[in-house]
Amino acid sequence: MICGPHPAIYSLESKRENGTAWIRKFAELFSKLRVRRVDTSHLVSIVDDDDAVRLATASLIRSFGWDVNDFASAEAFLNSGRVDETSFLISDIRMPGMSGIELHDCLLKQGYAPPTIFITAFPTAFLHAQTQAQGALALLEKPIDANVIAHWLTTALGSP
Protein backbone atom coordinates (compact mmCIF):
# COMPACT_ATOMS: atom_id res chain seq x y z
CA MET A 1 0.00 0.00 0.00
CA ILE A 2 1.35 3.39 -0.96
CA CYS A 3 0.70 6.28 1.37
CA GLY A 4 -0.70 9.32 -0.29
CA PRO A 5 -3.44 11.87 -0.04
CA HIS A 6 -6.94 10.71 0.79
CA PRO A 7 -8.81 9.94 -2.49
CA ALA A 8 -11.30 12.75 -1.83
CA ILE A 9 -8.45 15.23 -1.43
CA TYR A 10 -6.63 13.87 -4.50
CA SER A 11 -9.73 14.17 -6.67
CA LEU A 12 -10.27 17.70 -5.39
CA GLU A 13 -6.69 18.65 -6.19
CA SER A 14 -6.77 17.18 -9.66
CA LYS A 15 -10.09 18.79 -10.60
CA ARG A 16 -9.81 22.17 -8.92
CA GLU A 17 -9.94 25.25 -11.02
CA ASN A 18 -8.27 27.41 -8.42
CA GLY A 19 -6.98 27.20 -4.84
CA THR A 20 -10.06 28.74 -3.25
CA ALA A 21 -12.38 25.99 -4.52
CA TRP A 22 -10.20 23.36 -2.88
CA ILE A 23 -10.08 25.34 0.38
CA ARG A 24 -13.88 25.73 0.43
CA LYS A 25 -14.38 21.98 -0.17
CA PHE A 26 -11.84 21.08 2.53
CA ALA A 27 -13.57 23.43 4.99
CA GLU A 28 -16.91 21.82 4.13
CA LEU A 29 -15.53 18.30 4.73
CA PHE A 30 -13.81 19.38 7.96
CA SER A 31 -16.96 21.02 9.32
CA LYS A 32 -18.74 17.65 9.10
CA LEU A 33 -16.33 16.08 11.57
CA ARG A 34 -17.59 15.89 15.14
CA VAL A 35 -15.07 17.71 17.23
CA ARG A 36 -15.79 18.14 20.91
CA ARG A 37 -14.28 21.20 22.51
CA VAL A 38 -12.86 20.87 26.00
CA ASP A 39 -14.35 23.20 28.58
CA THR A 40 -11.32 24.72 30.28
CA SER A 41 -13.37 27.10 32.42
CA HIS A 42 -14.20 24.22 34.77
CA LEU A 43 -11.69 21.71 36.10
CA VAL A 44 -12.85 18.31 37.31
CA SER A 45 -10.42 16.68 39.75
CA ILE A 46 -10.48 12.93 40.32
CA VAL A 47 -8.86 11.40 43.40
CA ASP A 48 -8.60 7.60 43.49
CA ASP A 49 -5.76 5.27 44.44
CA ASP A 50 -6.94 2.64 41.92
CA ASP A 51 -5.11 3.52 38.69
CA ALA A 52 -7.60 1.73 36.43
CA VAL A 53 -10.64 3.41 37.96
CA ARG A 54 -8.96 6.84 38.08
CA LEU A 55 -7.79 6.73 34.46
CA ALA A 56 -11.07 5.32 33.15
CA THR A 57 -13.05 7.97 35.02
CA ALA A 58 -10.75 10.71 33.72
CA SER A 59 -11.18 9.43 30.18
CA LEU A 60 -14.96 9.37 30.60
CA ILE A 61 -15.06 12.94 31.92
CA ARG A 62 -12.81 14.12 29.06
CA SER A 63 -15.15 12.44 26.57
CA PHE A 64 -17.94 14.64 27.95
CA GLY A 65 -15.83 17.70 27.14
CA TRP A 66 -14.49 18.64 30.59
CA ASP A 67 -10.92 19.46 31.58
CA VAL A 68 -9.61 16.84 34.05
CA ASN A 69 -6.80 16.38 36.54
CA ASP A 70 -6.36 13.07 38.30
CA PHE A 71 -4.53 12.25 41.51
CA ALA A 72 -3.54 8.94 43.12
CA SER A 73 -4.07 10.22 46.67
CA ALA A 74 -5.77 12.92 48.68
CA GLU A 75 -2.37 14.23 49.70
CA ALA A 76 -1.27 14.53 46.06
CA PHE A 77 -4.41 16.54 45.32
CA LEU A 78 -3.94 18.85 48.32
CA ASN A 79 -0.28 19.45 47.38
CA SER A 80 -0.99 19.95 43.66
CA GLY A 81 -1.70 23.66 43.73
CA ARG A 82 -4.90 22.94 41.76
CA VAL A 83 -7.35 22.75 44.67
CA ASP A 84 -8.71 26.26 44.21
CA GLU A 85 -9.01 25.72 40.44
CA THR A 86 -11.17 22.61 40.94
CA SER A 87 -14.82 23.17 40.04
CA PHE A 88 -15.94 19.60 40.69
CA LEU A 89 -14.41 16.78 42.75
CA ILE A 90 -14.82 13.03 42.31
CA SER A 91 -13.14 11.12 45.13
CA ASP A 92 -12.85 7.54 46.24
CA ILE A 93 -13.61 7.03 49.91
CA ARG A 94 -11.20 4.25 50.88
CA MET A 95 -7.60 5.16 50.07
CA PRO A 96 -4.27 4.67 51.84
CA GLY A 97 -3.41 7.69 53.95
CA MET A 98 -6.17 10.28 53.95
CA SER A 99 -9.63 8.99 53.00
CA GLY A 100 -11.94 10.81 50.61
CA ILE A 101 -14.14 11.89 53.50
CA GLU A 102 -11.11 13.24 55.38
CA LEU A 103 -10.08 15.06 52.20
CA HIS A 104 -13.50 16.67 51.89
CA ASP A 105 -13.47 17.59 55.59
CA CYS A 106 -10.07 19.25 55.08
CA LEU A 107 -11.44 21.23 52.13
CA LEU A 108 -14.44 22.33 54.19
CA LYS A 109 -12.11 23.54 56.97
CA GLN A 110 -10.11 25.52 54.37
CA GLY A 111 -13.35 27.13 53.25
CA TYR A 112 -13.31 25.64 49.78
CA ALA A 113 -15.15 22.47 48.94
CA PRO A 114 -16.31 22.16 45.33
CA PRO A 115 -19.39 20.10 44.42
CA THR A 116 -18.32 16.54 45.24
CA ILE A 117 -19.23 13.00 44.30
CA PHE A 118 -17.83 10.17 46.37
CA ILE A 119 -17.29 6.75 44.81
CA THR A 120 -16.79 3.47 46.63
CA ALA A 121 -16.90 -0.26 46.11
CA PHE A 122 -18.43 -0.65 49.59
CA PRO A 123 -21.44 1.65 50.01
CA THR A 124 -23.29 1.50 53.33
CA ALA A 125 -26.17 3.41 54.85
CA PHE A 126 -23.69 4.98 57.28
CA LEU A 127 -21.50 6.22 54.40
CA HIS A 128 -24.54 7.67 52.62
CA ALA A 129 -25.50 9.57 55.77
CA GLN A 130 -21.91 10.71 56.38
CA THR A 131 -21.38 12.01 52.84
CA GLN A 132 -24.76 13.75 52.78
CA ALA A 133 -23.98 15.41 56.12
CA GLN A 134 -20.81 16.82 54.54
CA GLY A 135 -22.80 18.24 51.64
CA ALA A 136 -21.71 15.82 48.91
CA LEU A 137 -23.91 15.58 45.84
CA ALA A 138 -23.89 11.80 45.77
CA LEU A 139 -22.27 8.56 46.88
CA LEU A 140 -21.93 6.22 43.89
CA GLU A 141 -21.06 2.56 43.85
CA LYS A 142 -18.23 1.29 41.66
CA PRO A 143 -18.36 0.62 38.81
CA ILE A 144 -19.83 4.05 38.20
CA ASP A 145 -22.57 4.68 35.67
CA ALA A 146 -21.53 7.16 32.96
CA ASN A 147 -25.04 8.63 32.74
CA VAL A 148 -25.15 9.30 36.47
CA ILE A 149 -21.77 11.07 36.39
CA ALA A 150 -22.91 13.13 33.39
CA HIS A 151 -26.10 14.07 35.25
CA TRP A 152 -24.25 15.35 38.32
CA LEU A 153 -21.65 17.22 36.26
CA THR A 154 -24.28 19.05 34.23
CA THR A 155 -26.39 19.67 37.34
CA ALA A 156 -23.44 21.31 39.13
CA LEU A 157 -21.61 22.97 36.23
CA GLY A 158 -23.99 23.19 33.28
CA SER A 159 -23.02 21.88 29.86
CA PRO A 160 -19.38 21.87 28.75
C-alpha atoms as a PDB file:
ATOM      1  CA  MET A   1       0.000   0.000   0.000  1.00  0.00           C
ATOM      2  CA  ILE A   2       1.352   3.388  -0.964  1.00  0.00           C
ATOM      3  CA  CYS A   3       0.696   6.275   1.374  1.00  0.00           C
ATOM      4  CA  GLY A   4      -0.696   9.324  -0.291  1.00  0.00           C
ATOM      5  CA  PRO A   5      -3.444  11.867  -0.038  1.00  0.00           C
ATOM      6  CA  HIS A   6      -6.936  10.707   0.786  1.00  0.00           C
ATOM      7  CA  PRO A   7      -8.811   9.937  -2.488  1.00  0.00           C
ATOM      8  CA  ALA A   8     -11.298  12.749  -1.832  1.00  0.00           C
ATOM      9  CA  ILE A   9      -8.449  15.225  -1.425  1.00  0.00           C
ATOM     10  CA  TYR A  10      -6.632  13.866  -4.504  1.00  0.00           C
ATOM     11  CA  SER A  11      -9.728  14.173  -6.674  1.00  0.00           C
ATOM     12  CA  LEU A  12     -10.273  17.695  -5.387  1.00  0.00           C
ATOM     13  CA  GLU A  13      -6.685  18.654  -6.185  1.00  0.00           C
ATOM     14  CA  SER A  14      -6.774  17.179  -9.658  1.00  0.00           C
ATOM     15  CA  LYS A  15     -10.092  18.786 -10.600  1.00  0.00           C
ATOM     16  CA  ARG A  16      -9.807  22.166  -8.920  1.00  0.00           C
ATOM     17  CA  GLU A  17      -9.938  25.255 -11.022  1.00  0.00           C
ATOM     18  CA  ASN A  18      -8.271  27.414  -8.417  1.00  0.00           C
ATOM     19  CA  GLY A  19      -6.979  27.202  -4.842  1.00  0.00           C
ATOM     20  CA  THR A  20     -10.058  28.744  -3.245  1.00  0.00           C
ATOM     21  CA  ALA A  21     -12.381  25.994  -4.521  1.00  0.00           C
ATOM     22  CA  TRP A  22     -10.202  23.362  -2.883  1.00  0.00           C
ATOM     23  CA  ILE A  23     -10.083  25.339   0.381  1.00  0.00           C
ATOM     24  CA  ARG A  24     -13.881  25.729   0.426  1.00  0.00           C
ATOM     25  CA  LYS A  25     -14.378  21.983  -0.169  1.00  0.00           C
ATOM     26  CA  PHE A  26     -11.843  21.082   2.527  1.00  0.00           C
ATOM     27  CA  ALA A  27     -13.572  23.435   4.985  1.00  0.00           C
ATOM     28  CA  GLU A  28     -16.913  21.816   4.133  1.00  0.00           C
ATOM     29  CA  LEU A  29     -15.529  18.304   4.729  1.00  0.00           C
ATOM     30  CA  PHE A  30     -13.807  19.383   7.961  1.00  0.00           C
ATOM     31  CA  SER A  31     -16.964  21.015   9.316  1.00  0.00           C
ATOM     32  CA  LYS A  32     -18.744  17.654   9.101  1.00  0.00           C
ATOM     33  CA  LEU A  33     -16.328  16.076  11.572  1.00  0.00           C
ATOM     34  CA  ARG A  34     -17.594  15.889  15.138  1.00  0.00           C
ATOM     35  CA  VAL A  35     -15.072  17.714  17.229  1.00  0.00           C
ATOM     36  CA  ARG A  36     -15.791  18.139  20.915  1.00  0.00           C
ATOM     37  CA  ARG A  37     -14.280  21.197  22.513  1.00  0.00           C
ATOM     38  CA  VAL A  38     -12.860  20.870  25.999  1.00  0.00           C
ATOM     39  CA  ASP A  39     -14.352  23.197  28.584  1.00  0.00           C
ATOM     40  CA  THR A  40     -11.320  24.716  30.278  1.00  0.00           C
ATOM     41  CA  SER A  41     -13.370  27.097  32.421  1.00  0.00           C
ATOM     42  CA  HIS A  42     -14.199  24.218  34.771  1.00  0.00           C
ATOM     43  CA  LEU A  43     -11.694  21.715  36.104  1.00  0.00           C
ATOM     44  CA  VAL A  44     -12.847  18.310  37.311  1.00  0.00           C
ATOM     45  CA  SER A  45     -10.422  16.683  39.746  1.00  0.00           C
ATOM     46  CA  ILE A  46     -10.482  12.929  40.317  1.00  0.00           C
ATOM     47  CA  VAL A  47      -8.860  11.399  43.398  1.00  0.00           C
ATOM     48  CA  ASP A  48      -8.604   7.600  43.492  1.00  0.00           C
ATOM     49  CA  ASP A  49      -5.760   5.265  44.436  1.00  0.00           C
ATOM     50  CA  ASP A  50      -6.938   2.636  41.921  1.00  0.00           C
ATOM     51  CA  ASP A  51      -5.111   3.522  38.686  1.00  0.00           C
ATOM     52  CA  ALA A  52      -7.604   1.728  36.433  1.00  0.00           C
ATOM     53  CA  VAL A  53     -10.644   3.415  37.965  1.00  0.00           C
ATOM     54  CA  ARG A  54      -8.963   6.838  38.078  1.00  0.00           C
ATOM     55  CA  LEU A  55      -7.786   6.729  34.459  1.00  0.00           C
ATOM     56  CA  ALA A  56     -11.074   5.319  33.147  1.00  0.00           C
ATOM     57  CA  THR A  57     -13.048   7.971  35.017  1.00  0.00           C
ATOM     58  CA  ALA A  58     -10.746  10.709  33.722  1.00  0.00           C
ATOM     59  CA  SER A  59     -11.182   9.425  30.175  1.00  0.00           C
ATOM     60  CA  LEU A  60     -14.963   9.369  30.604  1.00  0.00           C
ATOM     61  CA  ILE A  61     -15.057  12.936  31.920  1.00  0.00           C
ATOM     62  CA  ARG A  62     -12.815  14.125  29.064  1.00  0.00           C
ATOM     63  CA  SER A  63     -15.149  12.443  26.571  1.00  0.00           C
ATOM     64  CA  PHE A  64     -17.941  14.645  27.949  1.00  0.00           C
ATOM     65  CA  GLY A  65     -15.826  17.701  27.141  1.00  0.00           C
ATOM     66  CA  TRP A  66     -14.494  18.642  30.590  1.00  0.00           C
ATOM     67  CA  ASP A  67     -10.917  19.462  31.576  1.00  0.00           C
ATOM     68  CA  VAL A  68      -9.611  16.841  34.053  1.00  0.00           C
ATOM     69  CA  ASN A  69      -6.797  16.376  36.541  1.00  0.00           C
ATOM     70  CA  ASP A  70      -6.359  13.069  38.302  1.00  0.00           C
ATOM     71  CA  PHE A  71      -4.529  12.254  41.515  1.00  0.00           C
ATOM     72  CA  ALA A  72      -3.538   8.939  43.118  1.00  0.00           C
ATOM     73  CA  SER A  73      -4.068  10.223  46.666  1.00  0.00           C
ATOM     74  CA  ALA A  74      -5.774  12.919  48.677  1.00  0.00           C
ATOM     75  CA  GLU A  75      -2.368  14.230  49.703  1.00  0.00           C
ATOM     76  CA  ALA A  76      -1.271  14.531  46.063  1.00  0.00           C
ATOM     77  CA  PHE A  77      -4.409  16.539  45.316  1.00  0.00           C
ATOM     78  CA  LEU A  78      -3.938  18.849  48.317  1.00  0.00           C
ATOM     79  CA  ASN A  79      -0.283  19.452  47.382  1.00  0.00           C
ATOM     80  CA  SER A  80      -0.987  19.950  43.664  1.00  0.00           C
ATOM     81  CA  GLY A  81      -1.695  23.663  43.733  1.00  0.00           C
ATOM     82  CA  ARG A  82      -4.897  22.941  41.765  1.00  0.00           C
ATOM     83  CA  VAL A  83      -7.350  22.750  44.674  1.00  0.00           C
ATOM     84  CA  ASP A  84      -8.705  26.265  44.207  1.00  0.00           C
ATOM     85  CA  GLU A  85      -9.015  25.717  40.438  1.00  0.00           C
ATOM     86  CA  THR A  86     -11.167  22.615  40.944  1.00  0.00           C
ATOM     87  CA  SER A  87     -14.817  23.166  40.040  1.00  0.00           C
ATOM     88  CA  PHE A  88     -15.942  19.597  40.687  1.00  0.00           C
ATOM     89  CA  LEU A  89     -14.406  16.779  42.747  1.00  0.00           C
ATOM     90  CA  ILE A  90     -14.820  13.034  42.311  1.00  0.00           C
ATOM     91  CA  SER A  91     -13.140  11.124  45.129  1.00  0.00           C
ATOM     92  CA  ASP A  92     -12.846   7.536  46.237  1.00  0.00           C
ATOM     93  CA  ILE A  93     -13.609   7.031  49.907  1.00  0.00           C
ATOM     94  CA  ARG A  94     -11.201   4.253  50.877  1.00  0.00           C
ATOM     95  CA  MET A  95      -7.598   5.158  50.067  1.00  0.00           C
ATOM     96  CA  PRO A  96      -4.272   4.670  51.845  1.00  0.00           C
ATOM     97  CA  GLY A  97      -3.412   7.689  53.953  1.00  0.00           C
ATOM     98  CA  MET A  98      -6.173  10.283  53.948  1.00  0.00           C
ATOM     99  CA  SER A  99      -9.632   8.995  53.003  1.00  0.00           C
ATOM    100  CA  GLY A 100     -11.939  10.813  50.608  1.00  0.00           C
ATOM    101  CA  ILE A 101     -14.145  11.892  53.501  1.00  0.00           C
ATOM    102  CA  GLU A 102     -11.112  13.243  55.384  1.00  0.00           C
ATOM    103  CA  LEU A 103     -10.081  15.063  52.199  1.00  0.00           C
ATOM    104  CA  HIS A 104     -13.502  16.670  51.887  1.00  0.00           C
ATOM    105  CA  ASP A 105     -13.474  17.587  55.586  1.00  0.00           C
ATOM    106  CA  CYS A 106     -10.072  19.251  55.084  1.00  0.00           C
ATOM    107  CA  LEU A 107     -11.440  21.229  52.125  1.00  0.00           C
ATOM    108  CA  LEU A 108     -14.439  22.333  54.191  1.00  0.00           C
ATOM    109  CA  LYS A 109     -12.106  23.539  56.970  1.00  0.00           C
ATOM    110  CA  GLN A 110     -10.113  25.517  54.373  1.00  0.00           C
ATOM    111  CA  GLY A 111     -13.354  27.133  53.255  1.00  0.00           C
ATOM    112  CA  TYR A 112     -13.305  25.637  49.776  1.00  0.00           C
ATOM    113  CA  ALA A 113     -15.145  22.468  48.940  1.00  0.00           C
ATOM    114  CA  PRO A 114     -16.313  22.156  45.331  1.00  0.00           C
ATOM    115  CA  PRO A 115     -19.389  20.096  44.423  1.00  0.00           C
ATOM    116  CA  THR A 116     -18.324  16.543  45.239  1.00  0.00           C
ATOM    117  CA  ILE A 117     -19.233  12.996  44.300  1.00  0.00           C
ATOM    118  CA  PHE A 118     -17.831  10.169  46.369  1.00  0.00           C
ATOM    119  CA  ILE A 119     -17.294   6.750  44.815  1.00  0.00           C
ATOM    120  CA  THR A 120     -16.792   3.471  46.633  1.00  0.00           C
ATOM    121  CA  ALA A 121     -16.905  -0.258  46.112  1.00  0.00           C
ATOM    122  CA  PHE A 122     -18.427  -0.646  49.585  1.00  0.00           C
ATOM    123  CA  PRO A 123     -21.443   1.655  50.013  1.00  0.00           C
ATOM    124  CA  THR A 124     -23.290   1.505  53.327  1.00  0.00           C
ATOM    125  CA  ALA A 125     -26.171   3.411  54.852  1.00  0.00           C
ATOM    126  CA  PHE A 126     -23.687   4.979  57.278  1.00  0.00           C
ATOM    127  CA  LEU A 127     -21.496   6.224  54.401  1.00  0.00           C
ATOM    128  CA  HIS A 128     -24.536   7.669  52.624  1.00  0.00           C
ATOM    129  CA  ALA A 129     -25.499   9.566  55.767  1.00  0.00           C
ATOM    130  CA  GLN A 130     -21.910  10.713  56.385  1.00  0.00           C
ATOM    131  CA  THR A 131     -21.384  12.007  52.835  1.00  0.00           C
ATOM    132  CA  GLN A 132     -24.756  13.754  52.781  1.00  0.00           C
ATOM    133  CA  ALA A 133     -23.979  15.413  56.117  1.00  0.00           C
ATOM    134  CA  GLN A 134     -20.807  16.819  54.536  1.00  0.00           C
ATOM    135  CA  GLY A 135     -22.804  18.244  51.639  1.00  0.00           C
ATOM    136  CA  ALA A 136     -21.712  15.819  48.915  1.00  0.00           C
ATOM    137  CA  LEU A 137     -23.909  15.578  45.842  1.00  0.00           C
ATOM    138  CA  ALA A 138     -23.894  11.796  45.771  1.00  0.00           C
ATOM    139  CA  LEU A 139     -22.272   8.558  46.877  1.00  0.00           C
ATOM    140  CA  LEU A 140     -21.931   6.221  43.891  1.00  0.00           C
ATOM    141  CA  GLU A 141     -21.056   2.555  43.854  1.00  0.00           C
ATOM    142  CA  LYS A 142     -18.231   1.292  41.658  1.00  0.00           C
ATOM    143  CA  PRO A 143     -18.365   0.619  38.809  1.00  0.00           C
ATOM    144  CA  ILE A 144     -19.826   4.048  38.197  1.00  0.00           C
ATOM    145  CA  ASP A 145     -22.571   4.678  35.669  1.00  0.00           C
ATOM    146  CA  ALA A 146     -21.534   7.162  32.959  1.00  0.00           C
ATOM    147  CA  ASN A 147     -25.039   8.634  32.736  1.00  0.00           C
ATOM    148  CA  VAL A 148     -25.154   9.302  36.468  1.00  0.00           C
ATOM    149  CA  ILE A 149     -21.769  11.070  36.391  1.00  0.00           C
ATOM    150  CA  ALA A 150     -22.909  13.132  33.391  1.00  0.00           C
ATOM    151  CA  HIS A 151     -26.104  14.071  35.253  1.00  0.00           C
ATOM    152  CA  TRP A 152     -24.252  15.348  38.323  1.00  0.00           C
ATOM    153  CA  LEU A 153     -21.652  17.218  36.264  1.00  0.00           C
ATOM    154  CA  THR A 154     -24.276  19.053  34.234  1.00  0.00           C
ATOM    155  CA  THR A 155     -26.387  19.675  37.341  1.00  0.00           C
ATOM    156  CA  ALA A 156     -23.443  21.315  39.132  1.00  0.00           C
ATOM    157  CA  LEU A 157     -21.614  22.972  36.225  1.00  0.00           C
ATOM    158  CA  GLY A 158     -23.991  23.190  33.285  1.00  0.00           C
ATOM    159  CA  SER A 159     -23.017  21.880  29.862  1.00  0.00           C
ATOM    160  CA  PRO A 160     -19.377  21.872  28.746  1.00  0.00           C
END
